[in-house]
């Protein structure tokens, strides 16, 4: 039970620290970044098959934070995640 309590405290501390650092960066003007990614449109076909159509490159706005979207930035993906996954599949 103690280990679970320490784990919860550690997770809350990391979340709070990430939120505070991100807020500081946002106030300073560097809380968001942008990454260029390839966009691919996925069209469903019969028999659970899919067809892929390249749709060029686009720029995605991302957050300069540790945690993924929704935690703590609603709807924002961290830039480190977008840089490691440079293809956006639009279904």
PDB file of N, CA and C in Angstrom:
ATOM      1  N   UNK A   1       0.826  -1.196   0.000  1.00  0.00           N
ATOM      2  CA  UNK A   1       0.000   0.000   0.000  1.00  0.00           C
ATOM      3  C   UNK A   1       0.871   1.262   0.000  1.00  0.00           C
ATOM      4  N   UNK A   2       1.983   1.193   0.730  1.00  0.00           N
ATOM      5  CA  UNK A   2       2.884   2.339   0.760  1.00  0.00           C
ATOM      6  C   UNK A   2       3.513   2.594  -0.599  1.00  0.00           C
ATOM      7  N   UNK A   3       3.871   1.512  -1.283  1.00  0.00           N
ATOM      8  CA  UNK A   3       4.483   1.656  -2.604  1.00  0.00           C
ATOM      9  C   UNK A   3       3.520   2.335  -3.570  1.00  0.00           C
ATOM     10  N   UNK A   4       2.256   1.989  -3.496  1.00  0.00           N
ATOM     11  CA  UNK A   4       1.247   2.610  -4.347  1.00  0.00           C
ATOM     12  C   UNK A   4       1.113   4.097  -4.028  1.00  0.00           C
ATOM     13  N   UNK A   5       1.174   4.438  -2.769  1.00  0.00           N
ATOM     14  CA  UNK A   5       1.092   5.832  -2.359  1.00  0.00           C
ATOM     15  C   UNK A   5       2.301   6.621  -2.885  1.00  0.00           C
ATOM     16  N   UNK A   6       3.507   6.034  -2.781  1.00  0.00           N
ATOM     17  CA  UNK A   6       4.705   6.706  -3.278  1.00  0.00           C
ATOM     18  C   UNK A   6       4.661   6.856  -4.801  1.00  0.00           C
ATOM     19  N   UNK A   7       4.127   5.863  -5.471  1.00  0.00           N
ATOM     20  CA  UNK A   7       3.993   5.939  -6.920  1.00  0.00           C
ATOM     21  C   UNK A   7       3.030   7.061  -7.315  1.00  0.00           C
ATOM     22  N   UNK A   8       1.917   7.165  -6.617  1.00  0.00           N
ATOM     23  CA  UNK A   8       0.942   8.229  -6.901  1.00  0.00           C
ATOM     24  C   UNK A   8       1.551   9.606  -6.647  1.00  0.00           C
ATOM     25  N   UNK A   9       2.324   9.740  -5.599  1.00  0.00           N
ATOM     26  CA  UNK A   9       2.987  11.016  -5.295  1.00  0.00           C
ATOM     27  C   UNK A   9       4.008  11.354  -6.376  1.00  0.00           C
ATOM     28  N   UNK A  10       4.752  10.342  -6.837  1.00  0.00           N
ATOM     29  CA  UNK A  10       5.753  10.571  -7.881  1.00  0.00           C
ATOM     30  C   UNK A  10       5.093  10.999  -9.189  1.00  0.00           C
ATOM     31  N   UNK A  11       4.002  10.346  -9.558  1.00  0.00           N
ATOM     32  CA  UNK A  11       3.292  10.700 -10.799  1.00  0.00           C
ATOM     33  C   UNK A  11       2.725  12.119 -10.698  1.00  0.00           C
ATOM     34  N   UNK A  12       2.147  12.453  -9.563  1.00  0.00           N
ATOM     35  CA  UNK A  12       1.598  13.798  -9.375  1.00  0.00           C
ATOM     36  C   UNK A  12       2.697  14.857  -9.414  1.00  0.00           C
ATOM     37  N   UNK A  13       3.845  14.543  -8.871  1.00  0.00           N
ATOM     38  CA  UNK A  13       4.969  15.482  -8.877  1.00  0.00           C
ATOM     39  C   UNK A  13       5.484  15.717 -10.289  1.00  0.00           C
ATOM     40  N   UNK A  14       5.637  14.640 -11.068  1.00  0.00           N
ATOM     41  CA  UNK A  14       6.096  14.781 -12.457  1.00  0.00           C
ATOM     42  C   UNK A  14       5.078  15.576 -13.267  1.00  0.00           C
ATOM     43  N   UNK A  15       3.790  15.294 -13.090  1.00  0.00           N
ATOM     44  CA  UNK A  15       2.752  16.018 -13.822  1.00  0.00           C
ATOM     45  C   UNK A  15       2.789  17.507 -13.471  1.00  0.00           C
ATOM     46  N   UNK A  16       2.875  17.818 -12.172  1.00  0.00           N
ATOM     47  CA  UNK A  16       2.882  19.219 -11.736  1.00  0.00           C
ATOM     48  C   UNK A  16       4.137  19.940 -12.242  1.00  0.00           C
ATOM     49  N   UNK A  17       5.283  19.280 -12.188  1.00  0.00           N
ATOM     50  CA  UNK A  17       6.517  19.898 -12.660  1.00  0.00           C
ATOM     51  C   UNK A  17       6.444  20.160 -14.163  1.00  0.00           C
ATOM     52  N   UNK A  18       5.920  19.207 -14.918  1.00  0.00           N
ATOM     53  CA  UNK A  18       5.790  19.390 -16.359  1.00  0.00           C
ATOM     54  C   UNK A  18       4.840  20.540 -16.664  1.00  0.00           C
ATOM     55  N   UNK A  19       3.746  20.616 -15.953  1.00  0.00           N
ATOM     56  CA  UNK A  19       2.783  21.694 -16.168  1.00  0.00           C
ATOM     57  C   UNK A  19       3.397  23.053 -15.847  1.00  0.00           C
ATOM     58  N   UNK A  20       4.135  23.137 -14.740  1.00  0.00           N
ATOM     59  CA  UNK A  20       4.747  24.418 -14.359  1.00  0.00           C
ATOM     60  C   UNK A  20       5.806  24.854 -15.366  1.00  0.00           C
ATOM     61  N   UNK A  21       6.637  23.923 -15.821  1.00  0.00           N
ATOM     62  CA  UNK A  21       7.662  24.262 -16.811  1.00  0.00           C
ATOM     63  C   UNK A  21       6.997  24.695 -18.111  1.00  0.00           C
ATOM     64  N   UNK A  22       5.954  23.973 -18.533  1.00  0.00           N
ATOM     65  CA  UNK A  22       5.264  24.339 -19.764  1.00  0.00           C
ATOM     66  C   UNK A  22       4.596  25.712 -19.637  1.00  0.00           C
ATOM     67  N   UNK A  23       3.988  25.990 -18.493  1.00  0.00           N
ATOM     68  CA  UNK A  23       3.372  27.310 -18.284  1.00  0.00           C
ATOM     69  C   UNK A  23       4.423  28.414 -18.353  1.00  0.00           C
ATOM     70  N   UNK A  24       5.584  28.167 -17.744  1.00  0.00           N
ATOM     71  CA  UNK A  24       6.662  29.154 -17.812  1.00  0.00           C
ATOM     72  C   UNK A  24       7.122  29.388 -19.237  1.00  0.00           C
ATOM     73  N   UNK A  25       7.258  28.317 -20.003  1.00  0.00           N
ATOM     74  CA  UNK A  25       7.651  28.458 -21.405  1.00  0.00           C
ATOM     75  C   UNK A  25       6.581  29.177 -22.213  1.00  0.00           C
ATOM     76  N   UNK A  26       5.310  28.881 -21.930  1.00  0.00           N
ATOM     77  CA  UNK A  26       4.216  29.537 -22.653  1.00  0.00           C
ATOM     78  C   UNK A  26       4.205  31.033 -22.368  1.00  0.00           C
ATOM     79  N   UNK A  27       4.412  31.413 -21.129  1.00  0.00           N
ATOM     80  CA  UNK A  27       4.461  32.839 -20.775  1.00  0.00           C
ATOM     81  C   UNK A  27       5.647  33.517 -21.447  1.00  0.00           C
ATOM     82  N   UNK A  28       6.776  32.793 -21.543  1.00  0.00           N
ATOM     83  CA  UNK A  28       7.967  33.349 -22.186  1.00  0.00           C
ATOM     84  C   UNK A  28       7.866  33.338 -23.705  1.00  0.00           C
ATOM     85  N   UNK A  29       6.867  32.636 -24.253  1.00  0.00           N
ATOM     86  CA  UNK A  29       6.674  32.619 -25.697  1.00  0.00           C
ATOM     87  C   UNK A  29       7.237  31.404 -26.403  1.00  0.00           C
ATOM     88  N   UNK A  30       7.739  30.424 -25.670  1.00  0.00           N
ATOM     89  CA  UNK A  30       8.308  29.245 -26.334  1.00  0.00           C
ATOM     90  C   UNK A  30       7.633  27.952 -25.881  1.00  0.00           C
ATOM     91  N   UNK A  31       6.389  28.017 -25.464  1.00  0.00           N
ATOM     92  CA  UNK A  31       5.668  26.837 -25.007  1.00  0.00           C
ATOM     93  C   UNK A  31       5.175  25.955 -26.139  1.00  0.00           C
ATOM     94  N   UNK A  32       5.088  26.528 -27.328  1.00  0.00           N
ATOM     95  CA  UNK A  32       4.629  25.782 -28.494  1.00  0.00           C
ATOM     96  C   UNK A  32       5.714  25.784 -29.568  1.00  0.00           C
ATOM     97  N   UNK A  33       5.692  24.745 -30.378  1.00  0.00           N
ATOM     98  CA  UNK A  33       6.603  24.650 -31.510  1.00  0.00           C
ATOM     99  C   UNK A  33       5.823  24.184 -32.720  1.00  0.00           C
ATOM    100  N   UNK A  34       6.516  23.974 -33.820  1.00  0.00           N
ATOM    101  CA  UNK A  34       5.867  23.445 -35.015  1.00  0.00           C
ATOM    102  C   UNK A  34       6.810  22.467 -35.696  1.00  0.00           C
ATOM    103  N   UNK A  35       6.233  21.397 -36.211  1.00  0.00           N
ATOM    104  CA  UNK A  35       6.991  20.335 -36.861  1.00  0.00           C
ATOM    105  C   UNK A  35       6.313  20.021 -38.191  1.00  0.00           C
ATOM    106  N   UNK A  36       7.106  19.854 -39.231  1.00  0.00           N
ATOM    107  CA  UNK A  36       6.580  19.499 -40.547  1.00  0.00           C
ATOM    108  C   UNK A  36       6.467  17.979 -40.652  1.00  0.00           C
ATOM    109  N   UNK A  37       5.281  17.496 -41.034  1.00  0.00           N
ATOM    110  CA  UNK A  37       5.038  16.056 -41.132  1.00  0.00           C
ATOM    111  C   UNK A  37       4.415  15.730 -42.490  1.00  0.00           C
ATOM    112  N   UNK A  38       4.557  14.466 -42.898  1.00  0.00           N
ATOM    113  CA  UNK A  38       3.902  13.982 -44.113  1.00  0.00           C
ATOM    114  C   UNK A  38       2.472  13.582 -43.768  1.00  0.00           C
ATOM    115  N   UNK A  39       1.529  13.944 -44.632  1.00  0.00           N
ATOM    116  CA  UNK A  39       0.125  13.592 -44.415  1.00  0.00           C
ATOM    117  C   UNK A  39      -0.268  12.511 -45.399  1.00  0.00           C
ATOM    118  N   UNK A  40      -0.916  11.459 -44.892  1.00  0.00           N
ATOM    119  CA  UNK A  40      -1.380  10.352 -45.721  1.00  0.00           C
ATOM    120  C   UNK A  40      -2.864  10.142 -45.434  1.00  0.00           C
ATOM    121  N   UNK A  41      -3.689  10.154 -46.488  1.00  0.00           N
ATOM    122  CA  UNK A  41      -5.125   9.918 -46.344  1.00  0.00           C
ATOM    123  C   UNK A  41      -5.363   8.419 -46.524  1.00  0.00           C
ATOM    124  N   UNK A  42      -6.091   7.820 -45.578  1.00  0.00           N
ATOM    125  CA  UNK A  42      -6.381   6.385 -45.617  1.00  0.00           C
ATOM    126  C   UNK A  42      -7.848   6.203 -45.999  1.00  0.00           C
ATOM    127  N   UNK A  43      -8.077   5.476 -47.098  1.00  0.00           N
ATOM    128  CA  UNK A  43      -9.440   5.225 -47.572  1.00  0.00           C
ATOM    129  C   UNK A  43      -9.799   3.767 -47.307  1.00  0.00           C
ATOM    130  N   UNK A  44     -10.922   3.520 -46.619  1.00  0.00           N
ATOM    131  CA  UNK A  44     -11.324   2.134 -46.375  1.00  0.00           C
ATOM    132  C   UNK A  44     -11.887   1.497 -47.640  1.00  0.00           C
ATOM    133  N   UNK A  45     -11.555   0.224 -47.835  1.00  0.00           N
ATOM    134  CA  UNK A  45     -12.062  -0.549 -48.964  1.00  0.00           C
ATOM    135  C   UNK A  45     -12.820  -1.757 -48.434  1.00  0.00           C
ATOM    136  N   UNK A  46     -13.311  -2.576 -49.339  1.00  0.00           N
ATOM    137  CA  UNK A  46     -14.022  -3.790 -48.932  1.00  0.00           C
ATOM    138  C   UNK A  46     -13.058  -4.788 -48.305  1.00  0.00           C
ATOM    139  N   UNK A  47     -13.613  -5.732 -47.542  1.00  0.00           N
ATOM    140  CA  UNK A  47     -12.859  -6.812 -46.911  1.00  0.00           C
ATOM    141  C   UNK A  47     -11.774  -6.304 -45.961  1.00  0.00           C
ATOM    142  N   UNK A  48     -12.051  -5.221 -45.247  1.00  0.00           N
ATOM    143  CA  UNK A  48     -11.136  -4.650 -44.251  1.00  0.00           C
ATOM    144  C   UNK A  48      -9.780  -4.261 -44.828  1.00  0.00           C
ATOM    145  N   UNK A  49      -9.763  -3.827 -46.062  1.00  0.00           N
ATOM    146  CA  UNK A  49      -8.535  -3.362 -46.694  1.00  0.00           C
ATOM    147  C   UNK A  49      -8.537  -1.843 -46.710  1.00  0.00           C
ATOM    148  N   UNK A  50      -7.346  -1.281 -46.852  1.00  0.00           N
ATOM    149  CA  UNK A  50      -7.201   0.165 -46.883  1.00  0.00           C
ATOM    150  C   UNK A  50      -6.307   0.564 -48.037  1.00  0.00           C
ATOM    151  N   UNK A  51      -6.551   1.760 -48.552  1.00  0.00           N
ATOM    152  CA  UNK A  51      -5.700   2.307 -49.595  1.00  0.00           C
ATOM    153  C   UNK A  51      -5.145   3.634 -49.088  1.00  0.00           C
ATOM    154  N   UNK A  52      -3.861   3.868 -49.340  1.00  0.00           N
ATOM    155  CA  UNK A  52      -3.167   5.044 -48.819  1.00  0.00           C
ATOM    156  C   UNK A  52      -2.863   6.024 -49.944  1.00  0.00           C
ATOM    157  N   UNK A  53      -3.209   7.302 -49.710  1.00  0.00           N
ATOM    158  CA  UNK A  53      -2.961   8.359 -50.676  1.00  0.00           C
ATOM    159  C   UNK A  53      -2.089   9.436 -50.032  1.00  0.00           C
ATOM    160  N   UNK A  54      -0.853   9.633 -50.507  1.00  0.00           N
ATOM    161  CA  UNK A  54      -0.014  10.709 -49.961  1.00  0.00           C
ATOM    162  C   UNK A  54      -0.649  12.065 -50.278  1.00  0.00           C
ATOM    163  N   UNK A  55      -0.627  12.957 -49.290  1.00  0.00           N
ATOM    164  CA  UNK A  55      -1.282  14.256 -49.450  1.00  0.00           C
ATOM    165  C   UNK A  55      -0.329  15.419 -49.160  1.00  0.00           C
ATOM    166  N   UNK A  56       0.969  15.185 -49.315  1.00  0.00           N
ATOM    167  CA  UNK A  56       1.936  16.267 -49.129  1.00  0.00           C
ATOM    168  C   UNK A  56       2.370  16.439 -47.685  1.00  0.00           C
ATOM    169  N   UNK A  57       2.997  17.575 -47.443  1.00  0.00           N
ATOM    170  CA  UNK A  57       3.498  17.888 -46.097  1.00  0.00           C
ATOM    171  C   UNK A  57       2.641  18.979 -45.471  1.00  0.00           C
ATOM    172  N   UNK A  58       2.569  18.950 -44.152  1.00  0.00           N
ATOM    173  CA  UNK A  58       1.860  19.990 -43.427  1.00  0.00           C
ATOM    174  C   UNK A  58       2.596  20.278 -42.125  1.00  0.00           C
ATOM    175  N   UNK A  59       2.349  21.431 -41.568  1.00  0.00           N
ATOM    176  CA  UNK A  59       2.989  21.840 -40.322  1.00  0.00           C
ATOM    177  C   UNK A  59       2.009  21.630 -39.175  1.00  0.00           C
ATOM    178  N   UNK A  60       2.472  20.930 -38.137  1.00  0.00           N
ATOM    179  CA  UNK A  60       1.642  20.643 -36.966  1.00  0.00           C
ATOM    180  C   UNK A  60       2.142  21.480 -35.791  1.00  0.00           C
ATOM    181  N   UNK A  61       1.227  22.086 -35.064  1.00  0.00           N
ATOM    182  CA  UNK A  61       1.583  22.816 -33.848  1.00  0.00           C
ATOM    183  C   UNK A  61       1.692  21.818 -32.713  1.00  0.00           C
ATOM    184  N   UNK A  62       2.763  21.902 -31.952  1.00  0.00           N
ATOM    185  CA  UNK A  62       2.990  20.957 -30.858  1.00  0.00           C
ATOM    186  C   UNK A  62       3.438  21.711 -29.611  1.00  0.00           C
ATOM    187  N   UNK A  63       3.361  21.040 -28.477  1.00  0.00           N
ATOM    188  CA  UNK A  63       3.769  21.644 -27.215  1.00  0.00           C
ATOM    189  C   UNK A  63       5.158  21.183 -26.831  1.00  0.00           C
ATOM    190  N   UNK A  64       5.901  22.047 -26.220  1.00  0.00           N
ATOM    191  CA  UNK A  64       7.227  21.693 -25.731  1.00  0.00           C
ATOM    192  C   UNK A  64       7.080  21.246 -24.275  1.00  0.00           C
ATOM    193  N   UNK A  65       6.627  19.997 -24.142  1.00  0.00           N
ATOM    194  CA  UNK A  65       6.387  19.431 -22.816  1.00  0.00           C
ATOM    195  C   UNK A  65       6.768  17.963 -22.822  1.00  0.00           C
ATOM    196  N   UNK A  66       6.718  17.358 -21.669  1.00  0.00           N
ATOM    197  CA  UNK A  66       7.081  15.959 -21.504  1.00  0.00           C
ATOM    198  C   UNK A  66       5.896  15.032 -21.730  1.00  0.00           C
ATOM    199  N   UNK A  67       4.738  15.392 -21.216  1.00  0.00           N
ATOM    200  CA  UNK A  67       3.582  14.503 -21.228  1.00  0.00           C
ATOM    201  C   UNK A  67       2.780  14.622 -22.516  1.00  0.00           C
ATOM    202  N   UNK A  68       2.098  13.541 -22.917  1.00  0.00           N
ATOM    203  CA  UNK A  68       1.321  13.557 -24.155  1.00  0.00           C
ATOM    204  C   UNK A  68       0.046  14.380 -24.053  1.00  0.00           C
ATOM    205  N   UNK A  69      -0.674  14.441 -25.186  1.00  0.00           N
ATOM    206  CA  UNK A  69      -1.834  15.317 -25.289  1.00  0.00           C
ATOM    207  C   UNK A  69      -2.859  15.095 -24.186  1.00  0.00           C
ATOM    208  N   UNK A  70      -3.443  16.180 -23.754  1.00  0.00           N
ATOM    209  CA  UNK A  70      -4.452  16.117 -22.706  1.00  0.00           C
ATOM    210  C   UNK A  70      -3.880  16.237 -21.310  1.00  0.00           C
ATOM    211  N   UNK A  71      -2.614  15.963 -21.150  1.00  0.00           N
ATOM    212  CA  UNK A  71      -1.980  16.010 -19.824  1.00  0.00           C
ATOM    213  C   UNK A  71      -0.707  16.825 -19.882  1.00  0.00           C
ATOM    214  N   UNK A  72      -0.636  17.993 -19.513  1.00  0.00           N
ATOM    215  CA  UNK A  72      -1.641  18.928 -19.046  1.00  0.00           C
ATOM    216  C   UNK A  72      -2.195  19.823 -20.147  1.00  0.00           C
ATOM    217  N   UNK A  73      -1.699  19.716 -21.375  1.00  0.00           N
ATOM    218  CA  UNK A  73      -2.120  20.611 -22.442  1.00  0.00           C
ATOM    219  C   UNK A  73      -3.232  19.947 -23.240  1.00  0.00           C
ATOM    220  N   UNK A  74      -4.409  20.486 -23.149  1.00  0.00           N
ATOM    221  CA  UNK A  74      -5.568  19.876 -23.809  1.00  0.00           C
ATOM    222  C   UNK A  74      -5.403  19.956 -25.321  1.00  0.00           C
ATOM    223  N   UNK A  75      -5.362  18.786 -25.961  1.00  0.00           N
ATOM    224  CA  UNK A  75      -5.303  18.712 -27.406  1.00  0.00           C
ATOM    225  C   UNK A  75      -3.937  18.913 -28.027  1.00  0.00           C
ATOM    226  N   UNK A  76      -2.905  19.102 -27.227  1.00  0.00           N
ATOM    227  CA  UNK A  76      -1.577  19.321 -27.783  1.00  0.00           C
ATOM    228  C   UNK A  76      -0.709  18.083 -27.716  1.00  0.00           C
ATOM    229  N   UNK A  77       0.003  17.811 -28.787  1.00  0.00           N
ATOM    230  CA  UNK A  77       0.960  16.711 -28.796  1.00  0.00           C
ATOM    231  C   UNK A  77       2.332  17.285 -28.491  1.00  0.00           C
ATOM    232  N   UNK A  78       3.128  16.569 -27.701  1.00  0.00           N
ATOM    233  CA  UNK A  78       4.481  17.072 -27.439  1.00  0.00           C
ATOM    234  C   UNK A  78       5.347  16.991 -28.704  1.00  0.00           C
ATOM    235  N   UNK A  79       6.226  17.951 -28.871  1.00  0.00           N
ATOM    236  CA  UNK A  79       7.058  18.017 -30.072  1.00  0.00           C
ATOM    237  C   UNK A  79       7.948  16.789 -30.200  1.00  0.00           C
ATOM    238  N   UNK A  80       8.434  16.247 -29.083  1.00  0.00           N
ATOM    239  CA  UNK A  80       9.298  15.064 -29.171  1.00  0.00           C
ATOM    240  C   UNK A  80       8.533  13.889 -29.773  1.00  0.00           C
ATOM    241  N   UNK A  81       7.239  13.802 -29.527  1.00  0.00           N
ATOM    242  CA  UNK A  81       6.434  12.713 -30.073  1.00  0.00           C
ATOM    243  C   UNK A  81       6.201  12.907 -31.574  1.00  0.00           C
ATOM    244  N   UNK A  82       5.887  14.129 -31.972  1.00  0.00           N
ATOM    245  CA  UNK A  82       5.619  14.419 -33.380  1.00  0.00           C
ATOM    246  C   UNK A  82       6.894  14.242 -34.209  1.00  0.00           C
ATOM    247  N   UNK A  83       8.053  14.624 -33.668  1.00  0.00           N
ATOM    248  CA  UNK A  83       9.310  14.458 -34.392  1.00  0.00           C
ATOM    249  C   UNK A  83       9.650  12.981 -34.592  1.00  0.00           C
ATOM    250  N   UNK A  84       9.274  12.126 -33.661  1.00  0.00           N
ATOM    251  CA  UNK A  84       9.554  10.699 -33.787  1.00  0.00           C
ATOM    252  C   UNK A  84       8.498   9.962 -34.620  1.00  0.00           C
ATOM    253  N   UNK A  85       7.349  10.582 -34.850  1.00  0.00           N
ATOM    254  CA  UNK A  85       6.276  10.014 -35.671  1.00  0.00           C
ATOM    255  C   UNK A  85       5.921  11.020 -36.764  1.00  0.00           C
ATOM    256  N   UNK A  86       6.774  11.131 -37.808  1.00  0.00           N
ATOM    257  CA  UNK A  86       6.605  12.216 -38.782  1.00  0.00           C
ATOM    258  C   UNK A  86       5.555  11.974 -39.860  1.00  0.00           C
ATOM    259  N   UNK A  87       4.738  10.924 -39.743  1.00  0.00           N
ATOM    260  CA  UNK A  87       3.686  10.682 -40.722  1.00  0.00           C
ATOM    261  C   UNK A  87       2.334  10.760 -40.014  1.00  0.00           C
ATOM    262  N   UNK A  88       1.442  11.599 -40.543  1.00  0.00           N
ATOM    263  CA  UNK A  88       0.109  11.767 -39.980  1.00  0.00           C
ATOM    264  C   UNK A  88      -0.890  11.035 -40.868  1.00  0.00           C
ATOM    265  N   UNK A  89      -1.531  10.011 -40.310  1.00  0.00           N
ATOM    266  CA  UNK A  89      -2.537   9.247 -41.056  1.00  0.00           C
ATOM    267  C   UNK A  89      -3.908   9.835 -40.777  1.00  0.00           C
ATOM    268  N   UNK A  90      -4.574  10.292 -41.822  1.00  0.00           N
ATOM    269  CA  UNK A  90      -5.896  10.898 -41.704  1.00  0.00           C
ATOM    270  C   UNK A  90      -6.927   9.877 -42.175  1.00  0.00           C
ATOM    271  N   UNK A  91      -7.671   9.347 -41.258  1.00  0.00           N
ATOM    272  CA  UNK A  91      -8.666   8.307 -41.579  1.00  0.00           C
ATOM    273  C   UNK A  91     -10.041   8.905 -41.737  1.00  0.00           C
TER     274      UNK A  91
END
